[in-house]
């Protein structure tokens, strides 16, 4: 594989990731992985909370996205200081994107049962291209054995409103639109696109033991179609849930969640992409999420999982 061909491949990968809003990682469990997209969520569970997620997208498709996130957050001093840490690793083919962000949220009590939080993200994003794994028809082509790395700072902002039966938030995790180049090429191969996220959800009691939880996740970015996830889950005894999801112009799927204990929750989702005959070449996308709440640092009891401020 000649150098020119490699550059063309990289450019196509990067253009594709931008054009389909895949430059930022995708989550089906957005309602349980909120800190990854909105810093104002930090500390909302009134406990030290750790959440880990793994997503394998378009399984069996070579170079398909694989994503992992780990978030940690906790209240530190009443509503004024809520801190968190968000780590994300997203790999698409030879391109690997890893970010480390500190999260801060300040909450304002609007009423006895509702709060409004303002959040800030601050951290670094590393962007790496490694061609060593690509097959080459020319063993003497040194360009196929090249790696390149960039480390750039970024900052994000978010607002999160919550009460027992409703939540809504707006955020942009990366305000700076950093540009990346490869090797000795001065021309930018890709520029991070600023994404705007809108999340919302409600809780409807169907029966003393059953509840319905509809949620939505809207993604907006320049030069791409607005994408929306809509999910409806049925909760039983506040511990078990089963739901369906739809992603506009892309996928449909199922998700399930089990509260093994009051502190440990496990979730799984499967979504099947149907756009542009993609389904012919992959076995769907799988996601696993784990969440654990440690003893409340504020001395207050962890609230019932039915409340959206704790999701």
C-alpha atoms as a PDB file:
ATOM      1  CA  UNK A   1       0.000   0.000   0.000  1.00  0.00           C
ATOM      2  CA  UNK A   2       1.581   3.251  -1.153  1.00  0.00           C
ATOM      3  CA  UNK A   3       1.767   6.399   0.952  1.00  0.00           C
ATOM      4  CA  UNK A   4      -0.786   8.198  -1.213  1.00  0.00           C
ATOM      5  CA  UNK A   5      -3.289   5.371  -0.723  1.00  0.00           C
ATOM      6  CA  UNK A   6      -2.774   5.451   3.030  1.00  0.00           C
ATOM      7  CA  UNK A   7      -3.429   9.172   3.202  1.00  0.00           C
ATOM      8  CA  UNK A   8      -6.591   8.766   1.147  1.00  0.00           C
ATOM      9  CA  UNK A   9      -7.770   6.016   3.514  1.00  0.00           C
ATOM     10  CA  UNK A  10      -7.158   8.182   6.554  1.00  0.00           C
ATOM     11  CA  UNK A  11      -8.941  11.154   5.043  1.00  0.00           C
ATOM     12  CA  UNK A  12     -11.959   9.004   4.166  1.00  0.00           C
ATOM     13  CA  UNK A  13     -12.097   7.594   7.688  1.00  0.00           C
ATOM     14  CA  UNK A  14     -11.971  11.041   9.230  1.00  0.00           C
ATOM     15  CA  UNK A  15     -14.505  12.528   6.827  1.00  0.00           C
ATOM     16  CA  UNK A  16     -16.845   9.622   7.467  1.00  0.00           C
ATOM     17  CA  UNK A  17     -16.537  10.020  11.226  1.00  0.00           C
ATOM     18  CA  UNK A  18     -17.403  13.700  10.935  1.00  0.00           C
ATOM     19  CA  UNK A  19     -20.180  13.375   8.377  1.00  0.00           C
ATOM     20  CA  UNK A  20     -22.119  10.825  10.397  1.00  0.00           C
ATOM     21  CA  UNK A  21     -21.585  12.521  13.776  1.00  0.00           C
ATOM     22  CA  UNK A  22     -19.384   9.575  14.801  1.00  0.00           C
ATOM     23  CA  UNK A  23     -16.460  11.861  15.636  1.00  0.00           C
ATOM     24  CA  UNK A  24     -17.896  11.872  19.157  1.00  0.00           C
ATOM     25  CA  UNK A  25     -18.541   8.501  20.783  1.00  0.00           C
ATOM     26  CA  UNK A  26     -22.052   7.042  20.614  1.00  0.00           C
ATOM     27  CA  UNK A  27     -23.931   5.566  23.609  1.00  0.00           C
ATOM     28  CA  UNK A  28     -27.191   3.679  23.864  1.00  0.00           C
ATOM     29  CA  UNK A  29     -27.023   3.941  27.681  1.00  0.00           C
ATOM     30  CA  UNK A  30     -26.843   7.739  27.581  1.00  0.00           C
ATOM     31  CA  UNK A  31     -29.361   7.973  30.457  1.00  0.00           C
ATOM     32  CA  UNK A  32     -26.991   6.038  32.755  1.00  0.00           C
ATOM     33  CA  UNK A  33     -23.730   7.498  31.412  1.00  0.00           C
ATOM     34  CA  UNK A  34     -24.745  11.148  31.744  1.00  0.00           C
ATOM     35  CA  UNK A  35     -21.489  12.565  33.118  1.00  0.00           C
ATOM     36  CA  UNK A  36     -19.698  11.587  29.898  1.00  0.00           C
ATOM     37  CA  UNK A  37     -21.801  14.118  28.007  1.00  0.00           C
ATOM     38  CA  UNK A  38     -22.848  16.694  30.645  1.00  0.00           C
ATOM     39  CA  UNK A  39     -20.568  17.907  33.478  1.00  0.00           C
ATOM     40  CA  UNK A  40     -23.509  19.455  35.357  1.00  0.00           C
ATOM     41  CA  UNK A  41     -24.570  15.911  36.319  1.00  0.00           C
ATOM     42  CA  UNK A  42     -21.597  15.598  38.719  1.00  0.00           C
ATOM     43  CA  UNK A  43     -22.600  14.828  42.310  1.00  0.00           C
ATOM     44  CA  UNK A  44     -26.291  14.401  41.491  1.00  0.00           C
ATOM     45  CA  UNK A  45     -26.511  10.951  43.105  1.00  0.00           C
ATOM     46  CA  UNK A  46     -25.375  12.250  46.530  1.00  0.00           C
ATOM     47  CA  UNK A  47     -22.820   9.442  46.619  1.00  0.00           C
ATOM     48  CA  UNK A  48     -19.410   8.543  45.295  1.00  0.00           C
ATOM     49  CA  UNK A  49     -20.475   6.881  42.025  1.00  0.00           C
ATOM     50  CA  UNK A  50     -18.343   4.926  39.562  1.00  0.00           C
ATOM     51  CA  UNK A  51     -19.720   4.020  36.135  1.00  0.00           C
ATOM     52  CA  UNK A  52     -17.933   1.916  33.504  1.00  0.00           C
ATOM     53  CA  UNK A  53     -19.181   1.309  29.969  1.00  0.00           C
ATOM     54  CA  UNK A  54     -17.960  -0.742  27.012  1.00  0.00           C
ATOM     55  CA  UNK A  55     -19.444  -0.500  23.521  1.00  0.00           C
ATOM     56  CA  UNK A  56     -18.582  -2.663  20.506  1.00  0.00           C
ATOM     57  CA  UNK A  57     -20.218  -1.127  17.468  1.00  0.00           C
ATOM     58  CA  UNK A  58     -20.976  -2.968  14.209  1.00  0.00           C
ATOM     59  CA  UNK A  59     -19.477  -6.252  15.431  1.00  0.00           C
ATOM     60  CA  UNK A  60     -17.530  -8.190  12.730  1.00  0.00           C
ATOM     61  CA  UNK A  61     -17.066  -5.038  10.618  1.00  0.00           C
ATOM     62  CA  UNK A  62     -13.274  -4.411  10.258  1.00  0.00           C
ATOM     63  CA  UNK A  63     -12.172  -1.192  11.936  1.00  0.00           C
ATOM     64  CA  UNK A  64     -15.586  -0.547  13.516  1.00  0.00           C
ATOM     65  CA  UNK A  65     -15.764   1.775  16.566  1.00  0.00           C
ATOM     66  CA  UNK A  66     -14.959   0.356  20.009  1.00  0.00           C
ATOM     67  CA  UNK A  67     -15.559   2.644  22.983  1.00  0.00           C
ATOM     68  CA  UNK A  68     -14.905   2.554  26.728  1.00  0.00           C
ATOM     69  CA  UNK A  69     -15.763   5.158  29.349  1.00  0.00           C
ATOM     70  CA  UNK A  70     -15.153   5.426  33.081  1.00  0.00           C
ATOM     71  CA  UNK A  71     -16.714   8.209  35.125  1.00  0.00           C
ATOM     72  CA  UNK A  72     -16.343   8.969  38.833  1.00  0.00           C
ATOM     73  CA  UNK A  73     -18.229  11.735  40.600  1.00  0.00           C
ATOM     74  CA  UNK A  74     -19.334  12.801  44.055  1.00  0.00           C
ATOM     75  CA  UNK A  75     -20.634  15.761  46.048  1.00  0.00           C
ATOM     76  CA  UNK A  76     -17.793  17.303  48.058  1.00  0.00           C
ATOM     77  CA  UNK A  77     -19.325  20.256  49.887  1.00  0.00           C
ATOM     78  CA  UNK A  78     -23.102  20.572  49.896  1.00  0.00           C
ATOM     79  CA  UNK A  79     -24.462  21.687  46.526  1.00  0.00           C
ATOM     80  CA  UNK A  80     -21.648  24.144  45.862  1.00  0.00           C
ATOM     81  CA  UNK A  81     -18.836  21.725  45.070  1.00  0.00           C
ATOM     82  CA  UNK A  82     -19.512  18.559  43.079  1.00  0.00           C
ATOM     83  CA  UNK A  83     -16.512  16.997  41.356  1.00  0.00           C
ATOM     84  CA  UNK A  84     -16.039  14.282  38.786  1.00  0.00           C
ATOM     85  CA  UNK A  85     -13.583  12.604  36.426  1.00  0.00           C
ATOM     86  CA  UNK A  86     -14.475  11.404  32.913  1.00  0.00           C
ATOM     87  CA  UNK A  87     -12.176   9.127  30.899  1.00  0.00           C
ATOM     88  CA  UNK A  88     -13.085   8.065  27.376  1.00  0.00           C
ATOM     89  CA  UNK A  89     -11.318   5.851  24.857  1.00  0.00           C
ATOM     90  CA  UNK A  90     -12.728   5.614  21.327  1.00  0.00           C
ATOM     91  CA  UNK A  91     -11.031   3.617  18.564  1.00  0.00           C
ATOM     92  CA  UNK A  92     -12.059   3.631  14.878  1.00  0.00           C
ATOM     93  CA  UNK A  93      -9.718   1.643  12.620  1.00  0.00           C
ATOM     94  CA  UNK A  94      -6.164   3.036  12.999  1.00  0.00           C
ATOM     95  CA  UNK A  95      -7.470   6.164  14.761  1.00  0.00           C
ATOM     96  CA  UNK A  96      -7.586   6.238  18.579  1.00  0.00           C
ATOM     97  CA  UNK A  97      -9.130   9.090  20.545  1.00  0.00           C
ATOM     98  CA  UNK A  98      -8.633   9.238  24.333  1.00  0.00           C
ATOM     99  CA  UNK A  99      -9.780  12.032  26.622  1.00  0.00           C
ATOM    100  CA  UNK A 100      -9.338  12.894  30.305  1.00  0.00           C
ATOM    101  CA  UNK A 101     -11.635  15.527  31.789  1.00  0.00           C
ATOM    102  CA  UNK A 102     -12.247  16.949  35.259  1.00  0.00           C
ATOM    103  CA  UNK A 103     -15.883  17.848  35.896  1.00  0.00           C
ATOM    104  CA  UNK A 104     -17.284  20.473  38.245  1.00  0.00           C
ATOM    105  CA  UNK A 105     -20.944  21.214  38.988  1.00  0.00           C
ATOM    106  CA  UNK A 106     -22.630  23.901  41.060  1.00  0.00           C
ATOM    107  CA  UNK A 107     -26.233  23.173  42.008  1.00  0.00           C
ATOM    108  CA  UNK A 108     -28.962  25.660  42.864  1.00  0.00           C
ATOM    109  CA  UNK A 109     -32.102  24.550  44.718  1.00  0.00           C
ATOM    110  CA  UNK A 110     -35.100  25.988  42.856  1.00  0.00           C
ATOM    111  CA  UNK A 111     -37.696  24.409  45.114  1.00  0.00           C
ATOM    112  CA  UNK A 112     -37.968  21.667  47.704  1.00  0.00           C
ATOM    113  CA  UNK A 113     -37.877  19.008  44.979  1.00  0.00           C
ATOM    114  CA  UNK A 114     -36.082  20.576  42.011  1.00  0.00           C
ATOM    115  CA  UNK A 115     -32.523  21.689  41.296  1.00  0.00           C
ATOM    116  CA  UNK A 116     -30.631  23.399  38.515  1.00  0.00           C
ATOM    117  CA  UNK A 117     -26.930  22.615  38.055  1.00  0.00           C
ATOM    118  CA  UNK A 118     -24.220  24.360  36.038  1.00  0.00           C
ATOM    119  CA  UNK A 119     -21.226  22.287  34.998  1.00  0.00           C
ATOM    120  CA  UNK A 120     -17.745  22.747  33.570  1.00  0.00           C
ATOM    121  CA  UNK A 121     -15.400  20.230  31.887  1.00  0.00           C
ATOM    122  CA  UNK A 122     -11.672  20.831  31.630  1.00  0.00           C
ATOM    123  CA  UNK A 123      -9.118  18.396  30.269  1.00  0.00           C
ATOM    124  CA  UNK A 124      -7.040  16.920  27.483  1.00  0.00           C
ATOM    125  CA  UNK A 125      -7.828  15.017  24.327  1.00  0.00           C
ATOM    126  CA  UNK A 126      -5.231  12.714  22.758  1.00  0.00           C
ATOM    127  CA  UNK A 127      -5.535  11.775  19.110  1.00  0.00           C
ATOM    128  CA  UNK A 128      -3.383   8.961  17.711  1.00  0.00           C
ATOM    129  CA  UNK A 129      -3.026   7.432  14.256  1.00  0.00           C
ATOM    130  CA  UNK A 130      -1.194   4.094  14.082  1.00  0.00           C
ATOM    131  CA  UNK A 131      -0.712   2.532  10.629  1.00  0.00           C
ATOM    132  CA  UNK A 132       1.258  -0.486  11.875  1.00  0.00           C
ATOM    133  CA  UNK A 133      -1.870  -2.630  11.885  1.00  0.00           C
ATOM    134  CA  UNK A 134      -2.757  -1.909   8.250  1.00  0.00           C
ATOM    135  CA  UNK A 135      -1.912  -4.509   5.647  1.00  0.00           C
ATOM    136  CA  UNK A 136       0.485  -3.371   2.964  1.00  0.00           C
ATOM    137  CA  UNK A 137       1.284  -4.861  -0.435  1.00  0.00           C
ATOM    138  CA  UNK A 138       4.714  -3.242  -0.274  1.00  0.00           C
ATOM    139  CA  UNK A 139       6.843  -4.403   2.660  1.00  0.00           C
ATOM    140  CA  UNK A 140       9.355  -1.639   1.981  1.00  0.00           C
ATOM    141  CA  UNK A 141       6.765   1.133   2.380  1.00  0.00           C
ATOM    142  CA  UNK A 142       7.835   2.781   5.662  1.00  0.00           C
ATOM    143  CA  UNK A 143       4.712   4.962   5.701  1.00  0.00           C
ATOM    144  CA  UNK A 144       2.681   1.872   6.626  1.00  0.00           C
ATOM    145  CA  UNK A 145       4.780   1.564   9.806  1.00  0.00           C
ATOM    146  CA  UNK A 146       4.190   5.065  11.099  1.00  0.00           C
ATOM    147  CA  UNK A 147       2.367   6.433  14.126  1.00  0.00           C
ATOM    148  CA  UNK A 148       1.471   9.996  15.001  1.00  0.00           C
ATOM    149  CA  UNK A 149       0.052  11.559  18.187  1.00  0.00           C
ATOM    150  CA  UNK A 150      -1.480  14.870  19.224  1.00  0.00           C
ATOM    151  CA  UNK A 151      -2.396  16.101  22.722  1.00  0.00           C
ATOM    152  CA  UNK A 152      -4.683  19.108  22.859  1.00  0.00           C
ATOM    153  CA  UNK A 153      -6.643  20.819  25.668  1.00  0.00           C
ATOM    154  CA  UNK A 154     -10.366  21.377  25.615  1.00  0.00           C
ATOM    155  CA  UNK A 155     -13.194  22.666  27.784  1.00  0.00           C
ATOM    156  CA  UNK A 156     -16.923  21.954  27.938  1.00  0.00           C
ATOM    157  CA  UNK A 157     -20.058  23.303  29.580  1.00  0.00           C
ATOM    158  CA  UNK A 158     -23.446  21.946  30.638  1.00  0.00           C
ATOM    159  CA  UNK A 159     -26.722  22.723  32.415  1.00  0.00           C
ATOM    160  CA  UNK A 160     -28.820  20.046  34.133  1.00  0.00           C
ATOM    161  CA  UNK A 161     -32.302  20.443  35.644  1.00  0.00           C
ATOM    162  CA  UNK A 162     -33.831  17.668  37.735  1.00  0.00           C
ATOM    163  CA  UNK A 163     -36.772  16.818  39.944  1.00  0.00           C
ATOM    164  CA  UNK A 164     -38.234  13.443  41.008  1.00  0.00           C
ATOM    165  CA  UNK A 165     -40.263  12.859  37.836  1.00  0.00           C
ATOM    166  CA  UNK A 166     -38.382  14.802  35.161  1.00  0.00           C
ATOM    167  CA  UNK A 167     -34.935  15.869  34.009  1.00  0.00           C
ATOM    168  CA  UNK A 168     -33.509  17.925  31.136  1.00  0.00           C
ATOM    169  CA  UNK A 169     -30.047  19.059  30.172  1.00  0.00           C
ATOM    170  CA  UNK A 170     -28.058  20.837  27.499  1.00  0.00           C
ATOM    171  CA  UNK A 171     -24.307  20.558  27.019  1.00  0.00           C
ATOM    172  CA  UNK A 172     -21.349  20.862  24.694  1.00  0.00           C
ATOM    173  CA  UNK A 173     -18.499  18.660  26.019  1.00  0.00           C
ATOM    174  CA  UNK A 174     -15.837  20.190  23.731  1.00  0.00           C
ATOM    175  CA  UNK A 175     -16.004  23.893  22.922  1.00  0.00           C
ATOM    176  CA  UNK A 176     -12.661  24.076  21.087  1.00  0.00           C
ATOM    177  CA  UNK A 177     -12.641  22.771  17.515  1.00  0.00           C
ATOM    178  CA  UNK A 178      -9.070  21.507  17.475  1.00  0.00           C
ATOM    179  CA  UNK A 179      -7.470  20.514  14.181  1.00  0.00           C
ATOM    180  CA  UNK A 180      -5.267  17.476  13.556  1.00  0.00           C
ATOM    181  CA  UNK A 181      -2.592  16.809  10.979  1.00  0.00           C
ATOM    182  CA  UNK A 182      -0.628  13.667  10.131  1.00  0.00           C
ATOM    183  CA  UNK A 183       3.128  13.140  10.027  1.00  0.00           C
ATOM    184  CA  UNK A 184       4.815  16.003   8.160  1.00  0.00           C
ATOM    185  CA  UNK A 185       1.685  17.196   6.386  1.00  0.00           C
ATOM    186  CA  UNK A 186       0.869  20.738   7.444  1.00  0.00           C
ATOM    187  CA  UNK A 187      -2.676  20.647   6.039  1.00  0.00           C
ATOM    188  CA  UNK A 188      -5.292  19.662   8.610  1.00  0.00           C
ATOM    189  CA  UNK A 189      -6.789  16.241   7.933  1.00  0.00           C
ATOM    190  CA  UNK A 190      -9.585  16.700  10.460  1.00  0.00           C
ATOM    191  CA  UNK A 191     -11.137  19.284  12.730  1.00  0.00           C
ATOM    192  CA  UNK A 192     -13.141  18.392  15.822  1.00  0.00           C
ATOM    193  CA  UNK A 193     -16.726  19.433  15.310  1.00  0.00           C
ATOM    194  CA  UNK A 194     -18.488  21.109  18.222  1.00  0.00           C
ATOM    195  CA  UNK A 195     -21.429  18.954  19.337  1.00  0.00           C
ATOM    196  CA  UNK A 196     -24.490  20.132  21.239  1.00  0.00           C
ATOM    197  CA  UNK A 197     -26.406  17.586  23.303  1.00  0.00           C
ATOM    198  CA  UNK A 198     -29.969  17.812  24.574  1.00  0.00           C
ATOM    199  CA  UNK A 199     -31.192  15.178  27.035  1.00  0.00           C
ATOM    200  CA  UNK A 200     -34.556  14.792  28.728  1.00  0.00           C
ATOM    201  CA  UNK A 201     -36.711  12.197  30.417  1.00  0.00           C
ATOM    202  CA  UNK A 202     -39.789  11.606  32.515  1.00  0.00           C
ATOM    203  CA  UNK A 203     -41.203   9.042  34.901  1.00  0.00           C
ATOM    204  CA  UNK A 204     -44.797   7.851  34.736  1.00  0.00           C
ATOM    205  CA  UNK A 205     -46.239   5.609  37.453  1.00  0.00           C
ATOM    206  CA  UNK A 206     -48.321   2.834  35.908  1.00  0.00           C
ATOM    207  CA  UNK A 207     -48.870   0.785  39.063  1.00  0.00           C
ATOM    208  CA  UNK A 208     -47.367   0.701  42.583  1.00  0.00           C
ATOM    209  CA  UNK A 209     -44.753  -1.750  41.240  1.00  0.00           C
ATOM    210  CA  UNK A 210     -44.466  -0.565  37.619  1.00  0.00           C
ATOM    211  CA  UNK A 211     -43.186   2.651  36.075  1.00  0.00           C
ATOM    212  CA  UNK A 212     -42.579   3.896  32.540  1.00  0.00           C
ATOM    213  CA  UNK A 213     -39.466   5.943  31.803  1.00  0.00           C
ATOM    214  CA  UNK A 214     -39.307   7.680  28.399  1.00  0.00           C
ATOM    215  CA  UNK A 215     -36.025   9.454  27.591  1.00  0.00           C
ATOM    216  CA  UNK A 216     -34.477  11.244  24.635  1.00  0.00           C
ATOM    217  CA  UNK A 217     -31.008  12.264  23.480  1.00  0.00           C
ATOM    218  CA  UNK A 218     -30.597  14.776  20.643  1.00  0.00           C
ATOM    219  CA  UNK A 219     -27.211  15.413  18.987  1.00  0.00           C
ATOM    220  CA  UNK A 220     -26.572  18.529  16.930  1.00  0.00           C
ATOM    221  CA  UNK A 221     -23.393  19.376  15.027  1.00  0.00           C
ATOM    222  CA  UNK A 222     -22.493  21.453  11.997  1.00  0.00           C
ATOM    223  CA  UNK A 223     -22.736  19.871   8.514  1.00  0.00           C
ATOM    224  CA  UNK A 224     -24.537  16.779   9.810  1.00  0.00           C
ATOM    225  CA  UNK A 225     -28.153  15.736  10.145  1.00  0.00           C
ATOM    226  CA  UNK A 226     -29.636  16.159  13.620  1.00  0.00           C
ATOM    227  CA  UNK A 227     -29.686  12.745  15.280  1.00  0.00           C
ATOM    228  CA  UNK A 228     -32.127  11.717  18.002  1.00  0.00           C
ATOM    229  CA  UNK A 229     -32.279   8.697  20.291  1.00  0.00           C
ATOM    230  CA  UNK A 230     -35.696   7.932  21.781  1.00  0.00           C
ATOM    231  CA  UNK A 231     -35.966   5.261  24.481  1.00  0.00           C
ATOM    232  CA  UNK A 232     -38.850   3.845  26.514  1.00  0.00           C
ATOM    233  CA  UNK A 233     -38.150   1.616  29.515  1.00  0.00           C
ATOM    234  CA  UNK A 234     -40.534  -0.202  31.836  1.00  0.00           C
ATOM    235  CA  UNK A 235     -39.283  -0.428  35.435  1.00  0.00           C
ATOM    236  CA  UNK A 236     -40.389  -3.103  37.915  1.00  0.00           C
ATOM    237  CA  UNK A 237     -39.916  -2.673  41.674  1.00  0.00           C
ATOM    238  CA  UNK A 238     -37.386   0.096  40.923  1.00  0.00           C
ATOM    239  CA  UNK A 239     -34.784  -2.641  40.333  1.00  0.00           C
ATOM    240  CA  UNK A 240     -35.443  -4.234  36.929  1.00  0.00           C
ATOM    241  CA  UNK A 241     -36.010  -2.520  33.601  1.00  0.00           C
ATOM    242  CA  UNK A 242     -36.526  -3.513  29.972  1.00  0.00           C
ATOM    243  CA  UNK A 243     -36.745  -1.044  27.128  1.00  0.00           C
ATOM    244  CA  UNK A 244     -36.729  -0.348  23.407  1.00  0.00           C
ATOM    245  CA  UNK A 245     -34.810   2.366  21.582  1.00  0.00           C
ATOM    246  CA  UNK A 246     -34.721   4.001  18.190  1.00  0.00           C
ATOM    247  CA  UNK A 247     -31.991   6.183  16.666  1.00  0.00           C
ATOM    248  CA  UNK A 248     -33.119   8.387  13.797  1.00  0.00           C
ATOM    249  CA  UNK A 249     -31.853   7.199  10.444  1.00  0.00           C
ATOM    250  CA  UNK A 250     -29.602   4.604  12.032  1.00  0.00           C
ATOM    251  CA  UNK A 251     -30.716   1.896  14.440  1.00  0.00           C
ATOM    252  CA  UNK A 252     -33.302   0.201  16.628  1.00  0.00           C
ATOM    253  CA  UNK A 253     -32.555  -1.884  19.696  1.00  0.00           C
ATOM    254  CA  UNK A 254     -33.274  -3.307  23.130  1.00  0.00           C
ATOM    255  CA  UNK A 255     -31.785  -2.575  26.538  1.00  0.00           C
ATOM    256  CA  UNK A 256     -32.111  -4.176  29.960  1.00  0.00           C
ATOM    257  CA  UNK A 257     -30.948  -3.237  33.454  1.00  0.00           C
ATOM    258  CA  UNK A 258     -30.788  -5.096  36.768  1.00  0.00           C
ATOM    259  CA  UNK A 259     -30.137  -3.630  40.193  1.00  0.00           C
ATOM    260  CA  UNK A 260     -28.199  -6.499  41.741  1.00  0.00           C
ATOM    261  CA  UNK A 261     -28.015  -4.656  45.068  1.00  0.00           C
ATOM    262  CA  UNK A 262     -29.005  -1.165  46.210  1.00  0.00           C
ATOM    263  CA  UNK A 263     -25.522  -0.062  45.177  1.00  0.00           C
ATOM    264  CA  UNK A 264     -24.615  -2.180  42.123  1.00  0.00           C
ATOM    265  CA  UNK A 265     -26.418  -1.915  38.767  1.00  0.00           C
ATOM    266  CA  UNK A 266     -25.660  -3.831  35.549  1.00  0.00           C
ATOM    267  CA  UNK A 267     -27.057  -2.996  32.116  1.00  0.00           C
ATOM    268  CA  UNK A 268     -26.852  -4.409  28.585  1.00  0.00           C
ATOM    269  CA  UNK A 269     -28.067  -3.161  25.219  1.00  0.00           C
ATOM    270  CA  UNK A 270     -28.151  -4.390  21.637  1.00  0.00           C
ATOM    271  CA  UNK A 271     -28.859  -2.126  18.692  1.00  0.00           C
ATOM    272  CA  UNK A 272     -29.117  -3.071  15.036  1.00  0.00           C
ATOM    273  CA  UNK A 273     -28.174  -0.591  12.345  1.00  0.00           C
ATOM    274  CA  UNK A 274     -30.407  -0.628   9.296  1.00  0.00           C
ATOM    275  CA  UNK A 275     -29.188   2.421   7.342  1.00  0.00           C
ATOM    276  CA  UNK A 276     -27.487   2.036   3.915  1.00  0.00           C
ATOM    277  CA  UNK A 277     -27.553  -1.788   4.102  1.00  0.00           C
ATOM    278  CA  UNK A 278     -25.087  -1.679   7.006  1.00  0.00           C
ATOM    279  CA  UNK A 279     -26.810  -4.653   8.634  1.00  0.00           C
ATOM    280  CA  UNK A 280     -25.572  -6.945   5.859  1.00  0.00           C
ATOM    281  CA  UNK A 281     -21.976  -6.531   7.027  1.00  0.00           C
ATOM    282  CA  UNK A 282     -22.161  -6.625  10.831  1.00  0.00           C
ATOM    283  CA  UNK A 283     -23.863  -8.366  13.749  1.00  0.00           C
ATOM    284  CA  UNK A 284     -25.160  -5.287  15.525  1.00  0.00           C
ATOM    285  CA  UNK A 285     -23.728  -3.215  18.374  1.00  0.00           C
ATOM    286  CA  UNK A 286     -23.394  -4.363  21.983  1.00  0.00           C
ATOM    287  CA  UNK A 287     -23.032  -2.279  25.123  1.00  0.00           C
ATOM    288  CA  UNK A 288     -22.395  -3.243  28.757  1.00  0.00           C
ATOM    289  CA  UNK A 289     -22.558  -0.795  31.659  1.00  0.00           C
ATOM    290  CA  UNK A 290     -21.736  -1.181  35.368  1.00  0.00           C
ATOM    291  CA  UNK A 291     -22.491   1.377  38.056  1.00  0.00           C
ATOM    292  CA  UNK A 292     -21.608   1.283  41.757  1.00  0.00           C
ATOM    293  CA  UNK A 293     -22.590   3.748  44.485  1.00  0.00           C
ATOM    294  CA  UNK A 294     -20.335   3.910  47.517  1.00  0.00           C
ATOM    295  CA  UNK A 295     -21.531   5.151  50.902  1.00  0.00           C
ATOM    296  CA  UNK A 296     -22.833   8.695  50.643  1.00  0.00           C
ATOM    297  CA  UNK A 297     -20.067  11.164  51.393  1.00  0.00           C
ATOM    298  CA  UNK A 298     -22.584  13.798  52.418  1.00  0.00           C
ATOM    299  CA  UNK A 299     -24.005  11.597  55.167  1.00  0.00           C
ATOM    300  CA  UNK A 300     -27.389  11.470  53.431  1.00  0.00           C
ATOM    301  CA  UNK A 301     -29.099   8.247  52.393  1.00  0.00           C
ATOM    302  CA  UNK A 302     -28.813   7.398  48.680  1.00  0.00           C
ATOM    303  CA  UNK A 303     -32.184   8.278  47.191  1.00  0.00           C
ATOM    304  CA  UNK A 304     -34.445   5.801  45.458  1.00  0.00           C
ATOM    305  CA  UNK A 305     -33.355   4.991  41.867  1.00  0.00           C
ATOM    306  CA  UNK A 306     -36.743   6.245  40.626  1.00  0.00           C
ATOM    307  CA  UNK A 307     -35.504   9.807  40.941  1.00  0.00           C
ATOM    308  CA  UNK A 308     -33.930  11.202  37.812  1.00  0.00           C
ATOM    309  CA  UNK A 309     -31.389  13.240  39.744  1.00  0.00           C
ATOM    310  CA  UNK A 310     -29.788   9.905  40.668  1.00  0.00           C
ATOM    311  CA  UNK A 311     -29.819   8.250  37.231  1.00  0.00           C
END
